[in-house]
Structures are given as structure tokens and as C-alpha cells.
């Protein structure tokens, strides 16, 4: 338990609380301490009955059953792995910008879910974060099941195809890819590749609550030069960087 506590404390703040709230609300709903009917995203209840908590609980709650337990654990793995990599990698030293990315993706997921009448947001939200990491690390080689290897840029589509073939799903993965691509396009592709204006700027109020740190530290505590204004959007890396995570490990890959 002491080791678990130290591990939990070592997690960056947003990954830590996203993971903790997901496990907490899921277990509360599983054991009947909270009614699952109050945790889903439901248009009528949210819009007309002003149950404004539903967009948040729909993100953190996932219904557990023998049929969904494994999928929930896989989602937890992706949540932990790729949120951690983004928060301690590209967004290190810029917690407000990472918070804004999560808020933007969450709001986009909520809007699509209300239109498409989707009750849960965990799948698309996790896939949106995974997609952004994959776009920022396109040429990093990741391992998938059965020893297959490919570039990170293909991972979201592999997950989509895998769920489509195995379970006949894939729609939630497509929403996550769409949301992640929307953020990546507005933040990097449009202002950098097309020379357009920066359309996604972190609100100043977030910097008051989550100020930037002076230096950015890579893996192993190696100090790096302070970043320029994040809103200037430096070009995202196309391959492994000096402080990159190296080879990814997917679903138990070594």
C-alpha cells in the first residue's frame, strides 16, 4: 500500500485525478453507492431537468460487468499510458495548456454525444488523447498484440479496425479520432502548415490556477531550455526527440 501511495503521488496532476475519478465513479456505480441512472449523459435530463453534472459523470463512469470488465481495463491502460506521456512529455511545464486540451476534447465529446445520443464518454475521450500523442510521435514504433509493430500514427486506426472486427463496434473510436484530429488540426496543422491564425489559445484564467514552470525537464530529470510561449505552437516532432519516450508498449508489449 505504501508503494501504491508513492506511485499515485508521483503521477502528474491531471492524469492522476482523471484516473482516480474514473476508478472511483465506476466502483461507486458498480456497488450501488451511486445510481448508474444518474451518471449517464442523457439529453432530456441534462437540458430540460438541469442535471448539469451528467457530462462530467459520463466521462468518469463506466458500467462494469463480466462482458465489459476487460474493455474497461484496456481503457484504463490507455488513459494512464498516453495521458501520462503527453502530460510529462510535450506538455511538461505547461499544465494549463494540457488542462485546456482536456477541456476542449471533453466539450467536443459532450456535443457529439448529445447529438448522437451516446451515454458514455470514456472511450472517445481516451482515444482523442491517444490520437494526439500518436500525431506528435508519428514515427515512434509501437508494439501491438501478437508481436505486430507499426508506426504510432497508425495506432488509432488499428484500434478502430480491431474493435470493428472483434466486437462490431468502432463508432466510439471514430469519435475519439475525430475529436483528437480537430484539436491537432486547429492547434498545429492549420497555424503551422497553412499559415493560419492560432484558433485555440489557452484562457488566461487557467494560467492563474496552473502557472507554467520555469524549465521543462525530460525523462530522468534532465533539464531542458525553457519553452517559448506555448500559444506560438512550435512544430510538433515527426520522429523521436532527445527526450522522447522511445518505443511505445501497447497491450503488454515489451
Protein backbone atom coordinates (compact mmCIF):
# COMPACT_ATOMS: atom_id res chain seq x y z
CA UNK A 1 0.00 0.00 0.00
CA UNK A 2 2.89 2.35 0.74
CA UNK A 3 4.35 1.65 -2.69
CA UNK A 4 0.96 2.23 -4.31
CA UNK A 5 0.61 5.55 -2.46
CA UNK A 6 4.04 6.68 -3.62
CA UNK A 7 3.25 5.67 -7.20
CA UNK A 8 -0.05 7.56 -7.11
CA UNK A 9 1.57 10.68 -5.67
CA UNK A 10 4.22 10.57 -8.39
CA UNK A 11 1.65 10.88 -11.19
CA UNK A 12 1.17 14.32 -12.78
CA UNK A 13 -1.94 16.07 -11.52
CA UNK A 14 -4.36 15.72 -14.44
CA UNK A 15 -3.53 12.11 -15.24
CA UNK A 16 -3.75 11.31 -11.52
CA UNK A 17 -7.19 12.81 -10.99
CA UNK A 18 -8.61 11.58 -14.29
CA UNK A 19 -7.53 8.05 -13.40
CA UNK A 20 -8.73 8.31 -9.78
CA UNK A 21 -12.13 9.76 -10.66
CA UNK A 22 -12.67 7.14 -13.34
CA UNK A 23 -11.95 4.28 -10.95
CA UNK A 24 -13.88 5.96 -8.12
CA UNK A 25 -17.12 6.69 -10.00
CA UNK A 26 -17.03 3.31 -11.73
CA UNK A 27 -16.74 1.45 -8.42
CA UNK A 28 -19.39 3.63 -6.76
CA UNK A 29 -21.79 2.79 -9.55
CA UNK A 30 -20.79 -0.88 -9.58
CA UNK A 31 -21.56 -1.38 -5.89
CA UNK A 32 -24.75 0.69 -5.94
CA UNK A 33 -23.46 3.59 -3.84
CA UNK A 34 -24.44 5.87 -6.71
CA UNK A 35 -27.28 5.15 -9.09
CA UNK A 36 -25.88 4.50 -12.58
CA UNK A 37 -29.04 6.10 -13.99
CA UNK A 38 -27.82 9.44 -12.59
CA UNK A 39 -24.35 9.10 -14.15
CA UNK A 40 -25.14 8.65 -17.84
CA UNK A 41 -25.30 11.54 -20.28
CA UNK A 42 -28.97 11.97 -21.16
CA UNK A 43 -30.16 14.88 -23.28
CA UNK A 44 -33.56 15.31 -21.64
CA UNK A 45 -32.17 15.18 -18.11
CA UNK A 46 -29.25 17.47 -18.90
CA UNK A 47 -31.04 20.13 -20.94
CA UNK A 48 -34.55 20.18 -19.53
CA UNK A 49 -34.06 18.94 -15.98
CA UNK A 50 -30.78 20.86 -15.46
CA UNK A 51 -28.85 17.83 -14.20
CA UNK A 52 -25.63 19.59 -15.08
CA UNK A 53 -23.33 17.01 -13.54
CA UNK A 54 -24.06 14.41 -16.21
CA UNK A 55 -21.39 15.48 -18.78
CA UNK A 56 -18.74 15.02 -16.08
CA UNK A 57 -20.02 11.75 -14.62
CA UNK A 58 -20.48 10.33 -18.13
CA UNK A 59 -16.75 10.83 -18.60
CA UNK A 60 -15.70 9.16 -15.35
CA UNK A 61 -18.29 6.39 -15.03
CA UNK A 62 -18.15 3.10 -16.94
CA UNK A 63 -20.63 0.25 -16.32
CA UNK A 64 -18.77 -2.84 -15.15
CA UNK A 65 -19.92 -6.35 -15.98
CA UNK A 66 -18.25 -9.63 -16.99
CA UNK A 67 -18.69 -8.55 -20.61
CA UNK A 68 -17.22 -5.05 -20.20
CA UNK A 69 -14.59 -5.53 -17.50
CA UNK A 70 -11.70 -6.31 -19.86
CA UNK A 71 -12.54 -3.38 -22.12
CA UNK A 72 -12.61 -1.09 -19.09
CA UNK A 73 -9.14 -2.26 -18.02
CA UNK A 74 -7.79 -1.68 -21.54
CA UNK A 75 -9.23 1.85 -21.46
CA UNK A 76 -7.60 2.45 -18.08
CA UNK A 77 -4.28 1.32 -19.53
CA UNK A 78 -4.58 3.69 -22.48
CA UNK A 79 -5.74 6.53 -20.22
CA UNK A 80 -2.79 6.09 -17.88
CA UNK A 81 -0.19 5.44 -20.54
CA UNK A 82 -0.94 8.17 -23.06
CA UNK A 83 -2.21 10.88 -20.75
CA UNK A 84 0.97 10.38 -18.71
CA UNK A 85 3.14 10.56 -21.82
CA UNK A 86 1.51 13.76 -23.03
CA UNK A 87 1.47 15.49 -19.66
CA UNK A 88 5.10 14.64 -18.86
CA UNK A 89 6.29 14.90 -22.47
CA UNK A 90 5.08 17.51 -24.92
CA UNK A 91 3.06 19.43 -22.32
CA UNK A 92 5.60 19.19 -19.50
CA UNK A 93 5.96 22.52 -17.74
CA UNK A 94 2.66 23.71 -19.26
CA UNK A 95 -0.14 22.29 -17.10
CA UNK A 96 -2.61 24.99 -18.14
CA UNK A 97 -2.20 24.06 -21.81
CA UNK A 98 -2.70 20.38 -21.07
CA UNK A 99 -5.77 21.21 -18.98
CA UNK A 100 -7.17 23.26 -21.87
CA UNK A 101 -6.57 20.37 -24.28
CA UNK A 102 -8.53 18.04 -21.99
CA UNK A 103 -11.35 20.56 -21.60
CA UNK A 104 -11.56 21.15 -25.36
CA UNK A 105 -11.65 17.41 -26.12
CA UNK A 106 -14.22 16.81 -23.37
CA UNK A 107 -16.55 19.57 -24.60
CA UNK A 108 -16.28 18.28 -28.17
CA UNK A 109 -17.11 14.76 -26.95
CA UNK A 110 -20.09 16.09 -24.98
CA UNK A 111 -21.52 17.94 -28.01
CA UNK A 112 -21.17 14.91 -30.28
CA UNK A 113 -22.57 12.59 -27.61
CA UNK A 114 -25.65 14.79 -27.13
CA UNK A 115 -26.29 14.84 -30.86
CA UNK A 116 -25.67 11.10 -31.30
CA UNK A 117 -27.39 10.17 -28.02
CA UNK A 118 -24.33 8.47 -26.57
CA UNK A 119 -24.49 7.85 -22.80
CA UNK A 120 -20.77 7.44 -22.02
CA UNK A 121 -17.65 9.44 -22.88
CA UNK A 122 -14.75 7.33 -21.66
CA UNK A 123 -13.97 5.62 -24.99
CA UNK A 124 -13.90 8.71 -27.25
CA UNK A 125 -12.09 10.83 -24.66
CA UNK A 126 -9.31 8.29 -24.17
CA UNK A 127 -8.98 7.76 -27.92
CA UNK A 128 -8.75 11.52 -28.50
CA UNK A 129 -5.78 11.80 -26.14
CA UNK A 130 -4.15 8.71 -27.65
CA UNK A 131 -4.63 10.18 -31.14
CA UNK A 132 -2.90 13.44 -30.20
CA UNK A 133 0.09 11.58 -28.73
CA UNK A 134 0.32 9.45 -31.87
CA UNK A 135 0.29 12.54 -34.10
CA UNK A 136 3.03 14.18 -32.04
CA UNK A 137 5.10 10.97 -32.23
CA UNK A 138 4.18 9.71 -35.68
CA UNK A 139 7.35 7.73 -36.38
CA UNK A 140 7.73 6.07 -32.98
CA UNK A 141 7.38 2.30 -33.35
CA UNK A 142 4.72 0.76 -31.11
CA UNK A 143 4.01 -2.89 -30.37
CA UNK A 144 0.57 -4.39 -30.63
CA UNK A 145 -0.80 -7.85 -29.95
CA UNK A 146 0.88 -10.94 -31.40
CA UNK A 147 4.18 -9.08 -31.82
CA UNK A 148 2.99 -6.76 -34.58
CA UNK A 149 4.81 -3.45 -34.91
CA UNK A 150 3.96 -0.27 -36.76
CA UNK A 151 4.34 3.49 -36.53
CA UNK A 152 2.35 5.31 -33.86
CA UNK A 153 0.42 7.30 -36.46
CA UNK A 154 -1.46 4.12 -37.40
CA UNK A 155 -2.35 3.03 -33.85
CA UNK A 156 -5.76 4.79 -33.60
CA UNK A 157 -6.85 3.21 -36.88
CA UNK A 158 -5.62 -0.20 -35.78
CA UNK A 159 -7.71 0.12 -32.61
CA UNK A 160 -10.71 1.17 -34.68
CA UNK A 161 -10.32 -1.82 -37.02
CA UNK A 162 -9.71 -4.17 -34.09
CA UNK A 163 -12.94 -3.16 -32.33
CA UNK A 164 -14.85 -3.21 -35.60
CA UNK A 165 -13.78 -6.78 -36.34
CA UNK A 166 -13.87 -8.24 -32.82
CA UNK A 167 -16.98 -6.61 -31.35
CA UNK A 168 -18.71 -4.99 -34.31
CA UNK A 169 -18.12 -1.55 -32.78
CA UNK A 170 -15.73 1.19 -33.77
CA UNK A 171 -18.11 4.17 -33.71
CA UNK A 172 -16.78 5.47 -30.38
CA UNK A 173 -13.22 5.10 -31.63
CA UNK A 174 -14.12 7.14 -34.70
CA UNK A 175 -15.50 9.92 -32.50
CA UNK A 176 -12.28 9.93 -30.46
CA UNK A 177 -10.20 10.12 -33.63
CA UNK A 178 -12.37 12.97 -34.93
CA UNK A 179 -12.07 14.96 -31.68
CA UNK A 180 -8.32 14.38 -31.41
CA UNK A 181 -7.84 15.35 -35.06
CA UNK A 182 -9.90 18.52 -34.55
CA UNK A 183 -7.64 19.64 -31.71
CA UNK A 184 -4.47 18.70 -33.59
CA UNK A 185 -5.62 20.46 -36.76
CA UNK A 186 -6.61 23.69 -35.02
CA UNK A 187 -3.52 23.73 -32.80
CA UNK A 188 -0.80 22.59 -35.20
CA UNK A 189 -1.80 21.82 -38.78
CA UNK A 190 -3.75 24.99 -39.56
CA UNK A 191 -1.45 27.60 -37.95
CA UNK A 192 1.80 25.85 -38.95
CA UNK A 193 1.22 24.07 -42.25
CA UNK A 194 -1.34 26.51 -43.65
CA UNK A 195 -0.05 29.69 -42.00
CA UNK A 196 -3.39 30.43 -40.40
CA UNK A 197 -4.18 32.10 -37.10
CA UNK A 198 -3.92 30.19 -33.85
CA UNK A 199 -7.55 29.37 -33.14
CA UNK A 200 -7.04 27.54 -29.86
CA UNK A 201 -5.43 29.69 -27.19
CA UNK A 202 -5.40 28.68 -23.56
CA UNK A 203 -7.56 31.09 -21.49
CA UNK A 204 -5.54 33.33 -19.19
CA UNK A 205 -7.52 32.19 -16.16
CA UNK A 206 -6.07 28.69 -16.48
CA UNK A 207 -2.54 30.12 -16.22
CA UNK A 208 -3.54 31.72 -12.92
CA UNK A 209 -4.51 28.35 -11.47
CA UNK A 210 -1.85 26.28 -13.27
CA UNK A 211 1.15 28.54 -13.96
CA UNK A 212 3.93 27.37 -16.24
CA UNK A 213 7.12 26.14 -14.63
CA UNK A 214 10.39 27.83 -15.48
CA UNK A 215 12.09 24.85 -17.03
CA UNK A 216 10.99 21.74 -18.85
CA UNK A 217 12.51 18.50 -17.65
CA UNK A 218 12.78 15.41 -19.76
CA UNK A 219 12.86 11.82 -18.70
CA UNK A 220 15.42 11.17 -15.99
CA UNK A 221 15.28 14.74 -14.72
CA UNK A 222 17.49 16.22 -17.44
CA UNK A 223 16.84 19.95 -17.54
CA UNK A 224 15.87 21.44 -20.87
CA UNK A 225 15.69 25.02 -22.03
CA UNK A 226 12.55 26.93 -21.06
CA UNK A 227 9.88 26.90 -23.71
CA UNK A 228 8.69 29.93 -25.57
CA UNK A 229 5.06 30.94 -25.42
CA UNK A 230 3.09 27.74 -25.92
CA UNK A 231 0.47 29.52 -27.98
CA UNK A 232 3.07 30.12 -30.67
CA UNK A 233 2.76 26.40 -31.33
CA UNK A 234 6.23 25.15 -32.23
CA UNK A 235 6.10 22.47 -34.93
CA UNK A 236 5.30 19.07 -33.44
CA UNK A 237 8.05 16.46 -33.71
CA UNK A 238 7.83 13.98 -36.55
CA UNK A 239 10.17 11.43 -35.01
CA UNK A 240 11.90 10.56 -31.74
CA UNK A 241 13.16 13.63 -29.84
CA UNK A 242 16.06 13.95 -27.47
CA UNK A 243 13.73 13.48 -24.52
CA UNK A 244 11.26 11.16 -26.27
CA UNK A 245 9.80 8.09 -24.66
CA UNK A 246 11.26 5.87 -27.33
CA UNK A 247 9.43 2.72 -28.27
CA UNK A 248 5.84 2.52 -27.14
CA UNK A 249 4.42 -0.52 -25.40
CA UNK A 250 0.86 -1.40 -26.32
CA UNK A 251 -1.24 -4.04 -24.57
CA UNK A 252 1.57 -5.72 -22.75
CA UNK A 253 4.20 -5.16 -25.44
CA UNK A 254 7.78 -5.30 -24.24
